[in-house]
Amino acid sequence: MVVHLCLPAEDIYDRVKGNKSRPLLQTEDPLGRIRELLAQRLPAYHTAHVELSVRKRPLPQIIFQILLNYHLYIRRRRNK
């Protein structure tokens, strides 16, 4: 099962700004670069089995949603 954790570009930027270990973001406009990368990658991301918004959600809730979707995914596969 593939899960796409959805997060707006601005939130991604807030999480990674100042992180020197992200070579693709070492530009004059890292937020713009994040937007470009998302635009390029979203078609692939939309093929995920589950798309889950993680904006302003606590980690335990995200984990719960992933596990719940995993169990539903397994159940559907068994019933095929």
PDB file of N, CA and C in Angstrom:
ATOM      1  N   MET A   1       0.847  -1.169   0.000  1.00  0.00           N
ATOM      2  CA  MET A   1       0.000   0.000   0.000  1.00  0.00           C
ATOM      3  C   MET A   1       0.895   1.235   0.000  1.00  0.00           C
ATOM      4  N   VAL A   2       0.553   2.181  -0.843  1.00  0.00           N
ATOM      5  CA  VAL A   2       1.292   3.440  -0.927  1.00  0.00           C
ATOM      6  C   VAL A   2       0.425   4.544  -0.344  1.00  0.00           C
ATOM      7  N   VAL A   3       1.016   5.336   0.548  1.00  0.00           N
ATOM      8  CA  VAL A   3       0.302   6.441   1.187  1.00  0.00           C
ATOM      9  C   VAL A   3       0.979   7.754   0.797  1.00  0.00           C
ATOM     10  N   HIS A   4       0.182   8.685   0.304  1.00  0.00           N
ATOM     11  CA  HIS A   4       0.678  10.034   0.006  1.00  0.00           C
ATOM     12  C   HIS A   4       0.267  10.924   1.172  1.00  0.00           C
ATOM     13  N   LEU A   5       1.253  11.428   1.893  1.00  0.00           N
ATOM     14  CA  LEU A   5       0.998  12.361   2.988  1.00  0.00           C
ATOM     15  C   LEU A   5       0.959  13.763   2.390  1.00  0.00           C
ATOM     16  N   CYS A   6      -0.232  14.335   2.302  1.00  0.00           N
ATOM     17  CA  CYS A   6      -0.446  15.615   1.632  1.00  0.00           C
ATOM     18  C   CYS A   6      -0.154  16.773   2.578  1.00  0.00           C
ATOM     19  N   LEU A   7       0.606  17.725   2.072  1.00  0.00           N
ATOM     20  CA  LEU A   7       0.959  18.903   2.849  1.00  0.00           C
ATOM     21  C   LEU A   7       1.214  20.050   1.880  1.00  0.00           C
ATOM     22  N   PRO A   8       0.636  21.227   2.139  1.00  0.00           N
ATOM     23  CA  PRO A   8       0.874  22.369   1.249  1.00  0.00           C
ATOM     24  C   PRO A   8       2.353  22.770   1.226  1.00  0.00           C
ATOM     25  N   ALA A   9       2.753  23.372   0.123  1.00  0.00           N
ATOM     26  CA  ALA A   9       4.151  23.782  -0.061  1.00  0.00           C
ATOM     27  C   ALA A   9       4.637  24.663   1.088  1.00  0.00           C
ATOM     28  N   GLU A  10       3.798  25.563   1.558  1.00  0.00           N
ATOM     29  CA  GLU A  10       4.200  26.472   2.638  1.00  0.00           C
ATOM     30  C   GLU A  10       4.509  25.712   3.925  1.00  0.00           C
ATOM     31  N   ASP A  11       3.728  24.685   4.199  1.00  0.00           N
ATOM     32  CA  ASP A  11       3.974  23.877   5.400  1.00  0.00           C
ATOM     33  C   ASP A  11       5.249  23.055   5.248  1.00  0.00           C
ATOM     34  N   ILE A  12       5.473  22.527   4.055  1.00  0.00           N
ATOM     35  CA  ILE A  12       6.715  21.789   3.807  1.00  0.00           C
ATOM     36  C   ILE A  12       7.901  22.721   4.031  1.00  0.00           C
ATOM     37  N   TYR A  13       7.802  23.922   3.469  1.00  0.00           N
ATOM     38  CA  TYR A  13       8.875  24.903   3.633  1.00  0.00           C
ATOM     39  C   TYR A  13       9.144  25.193   5.114  1.00  0.00           C
ATOM     40  N   ASP A  14       8.083  25.389   5.887  1.00  0.00           N
ATOM     41  CA  ASP A  14       8.252  25.657   7.323  1.00  0.00           C
ATOM     42  C   ASP A  14       8.991  24.525   8.029  1.00  0.00           C
ATOM     43  N   ARG A  15       8.763  23.296   7.582  1.00  0.00           N
ATOM     44  CA  ARG A  15       9.404  22.136   8.206  1.00  0.00           C
ATOM     45  C   ARG A  15      10.869  21.972   7.819  1.00  0.00           C
ATOM     46  N   VAL A  16      11.229  22.432   6.620  1.00  0.00           N
ATOM     47  CA  VAL A  16      12.592  22.145   6.131  1.00  0.00           C
ATOM     48  C   VAL A  16      13.481  23.373   5.990  1.00  0.00           C
ATOM     49  N   LYS A  17      12.938  24.562   6.183  1.00  0.00           N
ATOM     50  CA  LYS A  17      13.772  25.752   5.984  1.00  0.00           C
ATOM     51  C   LYS A  17      14.984  25.703   6.903  1.00  0.00           C
ATOM     52  N   GLY A  18      16.095  26.069   6.363  1.00  0.00           N
ATOM     53  CA  GLY A  18      17.344  26.045   7.117  1.00  0.00           C
ATOM     54  C   GLY A  18      18.028  24.693   7.152  1.00  0.00           C
ATOM     55  N   ASN A  19      17.387  23.658   6.623  1.00  0.00           N
ATOM     56  CA  ASN A  19      17.976  22.323   6.607  1.00  0.00           C
ATOM     57  C   ASN A  19      18.945  22.227   5.432  1.00  0.00           C
ATOM     58  N   LYS A  20      20.217  22.187   5.732  1.00  0.00           N
ATOM     59  CA  LYS A  20      21.254  22.162   4.687  1.00  0.00           C
ATOM     60  C   LYS A  20      21.431  20.785   4.048  1.00  0.00           C
ATOM     61  N   SER A  21      20.740  19.767   4.564  1.00  0.00           N
ATOM     62  CA  SER A  21      20.892  18.423   4.010  1.00  0.00           C
ATOM     63  C   SER A  21      19.883  18.155   2.894  1.00  0.00           C
ATOM     64  N   ARG A  22      19.246  19.187   2.376  1.00  0.00           N
ATOM     65  CA  ARG A  22      18.284  19.056   1.279  1.00  0.00           C
ATOM     66  C   ARG A  22      18.819  19.800   0.059  1.00  0.00           C
ATOM     67  N   PRO A  23      19.655  19.121  -0.742  1.00  0.00           N
ATOM     68  CA  PRO A  23      20.340  19.812  -1.837  1.00  0.00           C
ATOM     69  C   PRO A  23      19.400  20.437  -2.868  1.00  0.00           C
ATOM     70  N   LEU A  24      18.241  19.856  -3.112  1.00  0.00           N
ATOM     71  CA  LEU A  24      17.324  20.431  -4.090  1.00  0.00           C
ATOM     72  C   LEU A  24      16.750  21.770  -3.639  1.00  0.00           C
ATOM     73  N   LEU A  25      16.862  22.058  -2.353  1.00  0.00           N
ATOM     74  CA  LEU A  25      16.293  23.302  -1.830  1.00  0.00           C
ATOM     75  C   LEU A  25      17.353  24.366  -1.555  1.00  0.00           C
ATOM     76  N   GLN A  26      18.589  24.093  -1.934  1.00  0.00           N
ATOM     77  CA  GLN A  26      19.659  25.072  -1.733  1.00  0.00           C
ATOM     78  C   GLN A  26      19.649  26.064  -2.897  1.00  0.00           C
ATOM     79  N   THR A  27      18.585  26.858  -2.980  1.00  0.00           N
ATOM     80  CA  THR A  27      18.399  27.847  -4.037  1.00  0.00           C
ATOM     81  C   THR A  27      18.034  29.185  -3.396  1.00  0.00           C
ATOM     82  N   GLU A  28      17.949  30.223  -4.216  1.00  0.00           N
ATOM     83  CA  GLU A  28      17.538  31.532  -3.706  1.00  0.00           C
ATOM     84  C   GLU A  28      16.066  31.533  -3.295  1.00  0.00           C
ATOM     85  N   ASP A  29      15.266  30.651  -3.886  1.00  0.00           N
ATOM     86  CA  ASP A  29      13.831  30.590  -3.600  1.00  0.00           C
ATOM     87  C   ASP A  29      13.409  29.155  -3.279  1.00  0.00           C
ATOM     88  N   PRO A  30      13.719  28.681  -2.067  1.00  0.00           N
ATOM     89  CA  PRO A  30      13.388  27.290  -1.745  1.00  0.00           C
ATOM     90  C   PRO A  30      11.880  27.013  -1.774  1.00  0.00           C
ATOM     91  N   LEU A  31      11.051  27.981  -1.371  1.00  0.00           N
ATOM     92  CA  LEU A  31       9.606  27.767  -1.422  1.00  0.00           C
ATOM     93  C   LEU A  31       9.145  27.594  -2.865  1.00  0.00           C
ATOM     94  N   GLY A  32       9.670  28.413  -3.757  1.00  0.00           N
ATOM     95  CA  GLY A  32       9.348  28.269  -5.172  1.00  0.00           C
ATOM     96  C   GLY A  32       9.780  26.918  -5.705  1.00  0.00           C
ATOM     97  N   ARG A  33      10.940  26.461  -5.274  1.00  0.00           N
ATOM     98  CA  ARG A  33      11.442  25.148  -5.700  1.00  0.00           C
ATOM     99  C   ARG A  33      10.537  24.032  -5.186  1.00  0.00           C
ATOM    100  N   ILE A  34      10.062  24.160  -3.947  1.00  0.00           N
ATOM    101  CA  ILE A  34       9.131  23.166  -3.400  1.00  0.00           C
ATOM    102  C   ILE A  34       7.865  23.130  -4.244  1.00  0.00           C
ATOM    103  N   ARG A  35       7.360  24.295  -4.614  1.00  0.00           N
ATOM    104  CA  ARG A  35       6.156  24.351  -5.460  1.00  0.00           C
ATOM    105  C   ARG A  35       6.400  23.675  -6.807  1.00  0.00           C
ATOM    106  N   GLU A  36       7.561  23.920  -7.392  1.00  0.00           N
ATOM    107  CA  GLU A  36       7.909  23.281  -8.673  1.00  0.00           C
ATOM    108  C   GLU A  36       7.963  21.761  -8.531  1.00  0.00           C
ATOM    109  N   LEU A  37       8.637  21.295  -7.488  1.00  0.00           N
ATOM    110  CA  LEU A  37       8.766  19.855  -7.271  1.00  0.00           C
ATOM    111  C   LEU A  37       7.403  19.210  -7.052  1.00  0.00           C
ATOM    112  N   LEU A  38       6.544  19.862  -6.273  1.00  0.00           N
ATOM    113  CA  LEU A  38       5.205  19.317  -6.053  1.00  0.00           C
ATOM    114  C   LEU A  38       4.429  19.236  -7.360  1.00  0.00           C
ATOM    115  N   ALA A  39       4.507  20.286  -8.162  1.00  0.00           N
ATOM    116  CA  ALA A  39       3.801  20.284  -9.443  1.00  0.00           C
ATOM    117  C   ALA A  39       4.276  19.138 -10.335  1.00  0.00           C
ATOM    118  N   GLN A  40       5.582  18.888 -10.339  1.00  0.00           N
ATOM    119  CA  GLN A  40       6.140  17.801 -11.139  1.00  0.00           C
ATOM    120  C   GLN A  40       5.735  16.434 -10.599  1.00  0.00           C
ATOM    121  N   ARG A  41       5.685  16.311  -9.282  1.00  0.00           N
ATOM    122  CA  ARG A  41       5.497  15.009  -8.645  1.00  0.00           C
ATOM    123  C   ARG A  41       4.044  14.652  -8.348  1.00  0.00           C
ATOM    124  N   LEU A  42       3.152  15.635  -8.300  1.00  0.00           N
ATOM    125  CA  LEU A  42       1.770  15.349  -7.920  1.00  0.00           C
ATOM    126  C   LEU A  42       1.096  14.286  -8.780  1.00  0.00           C
ATOM    127  N   PRO A  43       1.306  14.259 -10.092  1.00  0.00           N
ATOM    128  CA  PRO A  43       0.678  13.168 -10.855  1.00  0.00           C
ATOM    129  C   PRO A  43       1.060  11.785 -10.324  1.00  0.00           C
ATOM    130  N   ALA A  44       2.299  11.594  -9.962  1.00  0.00           N
ATOM    131  CA  ALA A  44       2.725  10.303  -9.392  1.00  0.00           C
ATOM    132  C   ALA A  44       2.154  10.117  -7.992  1.00  0.00           C
ATOM    133  N   TYR A  45       2.158  11.179  -7.196  1.00  0.00           N
ATOM    134  CA  TYR A  45       1.624  11.084  -5.836  1.00  0.00           C
ATOM    135  C   TYR A  45       0.149  10.702  -5.840  1.00  0.00           C
ATOM    136  N   HIS A  46      -0.598  11.187  -6.847  1.00  0.00           N
ATOM    137  CA  HIS A  46      -2.034  10.908  -6.914  1.00  0.00           C
ATOM    138  C   HIS A  46      -2.336   9.454  -7.276  1.00  0.00           C
ATOM    139  N   THR A  47      -1.328   8.673  -7.598  1.00  0.00           N
ATOM    140  CA  THR A  47      -1.552   7.249  -7.862  1.00  0.00           C
ATOM    141  C   THR A  47      -1.492   6.413  -6.574  1.00  0.00           C
ATOM    142  N   ALA A  48      -1.217   7.044  -5.464  1.00  0.00           N
ATOM    143  CA  ALA A  48      -1.144   6.327  -4.181  1.00  0.00           C
ATOM    144  C   ALA A  48      -2.497   5.699  -3.845  1.00  0.00           C
ATOM    145  N   HIS A  49      -2.461   4.630  -3.088  1.00  0.00           N
ATOM    146  CA  HIS A  49      -3.693   3.982  -2.643  1.00  0.00           C
ATOM    147  C   HIS A  49      -4.480   4.881  -1.698  1.00  0.00           C
ATOM    148  N   VAL A  50      -3.748   5.674  -0.919  1.00  0.00           N
ATOM    149  CA  VAL A  50      -4.371   6.547   0.081  1.00  0.00           C
ATOM    150  C   VAL A  50      -3.701   7.910   0.013  1.00  0.00           C
ATOM    151  N   GLU A  51      -4.516   8.956   0.048  1.00  0.00           N
ATOM    152  CA  GLU A  51      -3.999  10.321   0.172  1.00  0.00           C
ATOM    153  C   GLU A  51      -4.511  10.859   1.498  1.00  0.00           C
ATOM    154  N   LEU A  52      -3.588  11.258   2.334  1.00  0.00           N
ATOM    155  CA  LEU A  52      -3.928  11.655   3.694  1.00  0.00           C
ATOM    156  C   LEU A  52      -3.373  13.043   3.990  1.00  0.00           C
ATOM    157  N   SER A  53      -4.262  13.980   4.283  1.00  0.00           N
ATOM    158  CA  SER A  53      -3.816  15.318   4.658  1.00  0.00           C
ATOM    159  C   SER A  53      -3.217  15.259   6.055  1.00  0.00           C
ATOM    160  N   VAL A  54      -2.024  15.797   6.192  1.00  0.00           N
ATOM    161  CA  VAL A  54      -1.368  15.776   7.499  1.00  0.00           C
ATOM    162  C   VAL A  54      -1.218  17.187   8.072  1.00  0.00           C
ATOM    163  N   ARG A  55      -1.851  18.149   7.431  1.00  0.00           N
ATOM    164  CA  ARG A  55      -1.749  19.534   7.881  1.00  0.00           C
ATOM    165  C   ARG A  55      -2.410  19.698   9.244  1.00  0.00           C
ATOM    166  N   LYS A  56      -1.623  20.197  10.181  1.00  0.00           N
ATOM    167  CA  LYS A  56      -2.093  20.496  11.544  1.00  0.00           C
ATOM    168  C   LYS A  56      -2.732  19.290  12.220  1.00  0.00           C
ATOM    169  N   ARG A  57      -2.211  18.110  11.933  1.00  0.00           N
ATOM    170  CA  ARG A  57      -2.698  16.896  12.590  1.00  0.00           C
ATOM    171  C   ARG A  57      -1.585  16.336  13.449  1.00  0.00           C
ATOM    172  N   PRO A  58      -1.912  15.927  14.652  1.00  0.00           N
ATOM    173  CA  PRO A  58      -0.887  15.336  15.518  1.00  0.00           C
ATOM    174  C   PRO A  58      -0.440  13.971  14.988  1.00  0.00           C
ATOM    175  N   LEU A  59       0.800  13.650  15.260  1.00  0.00           N
ATOM    176  CA  LEU A  59       1.386  12.405  14.770  1.00  0.00           C
ATOM    177  C   LEU A  59       0.555  11.172  15.145  1.00  0.00           C
ATOM    178  N   PRO A  60       0.069  11.042  16.384  1.00  0.00           N
ATOM    179  CA  PRO A  60      -0.729   9.846  16.703  1.00  0.00           C
ATOM    180  C   PRO A  60      -1.970   9.708  15.801  1.00  0.00           C
ATOM    181  N   GLN A  61      -2.582  10.808  15.438  1.00  0.00           N
ATOM    182  CA  GLN A  61      -3.750  10.758  14.558  1.00  0.00           C
ATOM    183  C   GLN A  61      -3.348  10.322  13.142  1.00  0.00           C
ATOM    184  N   ILE A  62      -2.212  10.795  12.679  1.00  0.00           N
ATOM    185  CA  ILE A  62      -1.717  10.395  11.358  1.00  0.00           C
ATOM    186  C   ILE A  62      -1.426   8.896  11.342  1.00  0.00           C
ATOM    187  N   ILE A  63      -0.755   8.426  12.378  1.00  0.00           N
ATOM    188  CA  ILE A  63      -0.436   7.000  12.472  1.00  0.00           C
ATOM    189  C   ILE A  63      -1.720   6.179  12.506  1.00  0.00           C
ATOM    190  N   PHE A  64      -2.701   6.616  13.294  1.00  0.00           N
ATOM    191  CA  PHE A  64      -3.973   5.906  13.366  1.00  0.00           C
ATOM    192  C   PHE A  64      -4.630   5.812  11.992  1.00  0.00           C
ATOM    193  N   GLN A  65      -4.656   6.921  11.253  1.00  0.00           N
ATOM    194  CA  GLN A  65      -5.270   6.938   9.927  1.00  0.00           C
ATOM    195  C   GLN A  65      -4.540   6.015   8.954  1.00  0.00           C
ATOM    196  N   ILE A  66      -3.217   5.994   9.029  1.00  0.00           N
ATOM    197  CA  ILE A  66      -2.449   5.095   8.163  1.00  0.00           C
ATOM    198  C   ILE A  66      -2.775   3.639   8.488  1.00  0.00           C
ATOM    199  N   LEU A  67      -2.790   3.307   9.772  1.00  0.00           N
ATOM    200  CA  LEU A  67      -3.084   1.928  10.168  1.00  0.00           C
ATOM    201  C   LEU A  67      -4.505   1.531   9.796  1.00  0.00           C
ATOM    202  N   LEU A  68      -5.452   2.420  10.001  1.00  0.00           N
ATOM    203  CA  LEU A  68      -6.837   2.150   9.633  1.00  0.00           C
ATOM    204  C   LEU A  68      -6.947   1.880   8.133  1.00  0.00           C
ATOM    205  N   ASN A  69      -6.330   2.740   7.331  1.00  0.00           N
ATOM    206  CA  ASN A  69      -6.360   2.549   5.885  1.00  0.00           C
ATOM    207  C   ASN A  69      -5.642   1.276   5.459  1.00  0.00           C
ATOM    208  N   TYR A  70      -4.579   0.919   6.172  1.00  0.00           N
ATOM    209  CA  TYR A  70      -3.870  -0.322   5.878  1.00  0.00           C
ATOM    210  C   TYR A  70      -4.790  -1.525   6.099  1.00  0.00           C
ATOM    211  N   HIS A  71      -5.474  -1.530   7.222  1.00  0.00           N
ATOM    212  CA  HIS A  71      -6.378  -2.653   7.508  1.00  0.00           C
ATOM    213  C   HIS A  71      -7.502  -2.734   6.472  1.00  0.00           C
ATOM    214  N   LEU A  72      -8.047  -1.599   6.068  1.00  0.00           N
ATOM    215  CA  LEU A  72      -9.086  -1.588   5.034  1.00  0.00           C
ATOM    216  C   LEU A  72      -8.531  -2.076   3.701  1.00  0.00           C
ATOM    217  N   TYR A  73      -7.318  -1.682   3.393  1.00  0.00           N
ATOM    218  CA  TYR A  73      -6.658  -2.101   2.155  1.00  0.00           C
ATOM    219  C   TYR A  73      -6.475  -3.621   2.141  1.00  0.00           C
ATOM    220  N   ILE A  74      -5.988  -4.165   3.241  1.00  0.00           N
ATOM    221  CA  ILE A  74      -5.777  -5.620   3.346  1.00  0.00           C
ATOM    222  C   ILE A  74      -7.109  -6.351   3.236  1.00  0.00           C
ATOM    223  N   ARG A  75      -8.118  -5.849   3.898  1.00  0.00           N
ATOM    224  CA  ARG A  75      -9.441  -6.493   3.851  1.00  0.00           C
ATOM    225  C   ARG A  75      -9.979  -6.520   2.406  1.00  0.00           C
ATOM    226  N   ARG A  76      -9.835  -5.404   1.686  1.00  0.00           N
ATOM    227  CA  ARG A  76     -10.303  -5.347   0.307  1.00  0.00           C
ATOM    228  C   ARG A  76      -9.536  -6.349  -0.570  1.00  0.00           C
ATOM    229  N   ARG A  77      -8.238  -6.458  -0.332  1.00  0.00           N
ATOM    230  CA  ARG A  77      -7.421  -7.379  -1.140  1.00  0.00           C
ATOM    231  C   ARG A  77      -7.808  -8.837  -0.864  1.00  0.00           C
ATOM    232  N   ARG A  78      -8.137  -9.132   0.374  1.00  0.00           N
ATOM    233  CA  ARG A  78      -8.532 -10.506   0.714  1.00  0.00           C
ATOM    234  C   ARG A  78      -9.874 -10.868   0.096  1.00  0.00           C
ATOM    235  N   ASN A  79     -10.743  -9.881  -0.046  1.00  0.00           N
ATOM    236  CA  ASN A  79     -12.088 -10.133  -0.575  1.00  0.00           C
ATOM    237  C   ASN A  79     -12.150 -10.180  -2.091  1.00  0.00           C
ATOM    238  N   LYS A  80     -11.032  -9.995  -2.758  1.00  0.00           N
ATOM    239  CA  LYS A  80     -11.027 -10.053  -4.229  1.00  0.00           C
ATOM    240  C   LYS A  80     -11.129 -11.464  -4.722  1.00  0.00           C
TER     241      LYS A  80
END
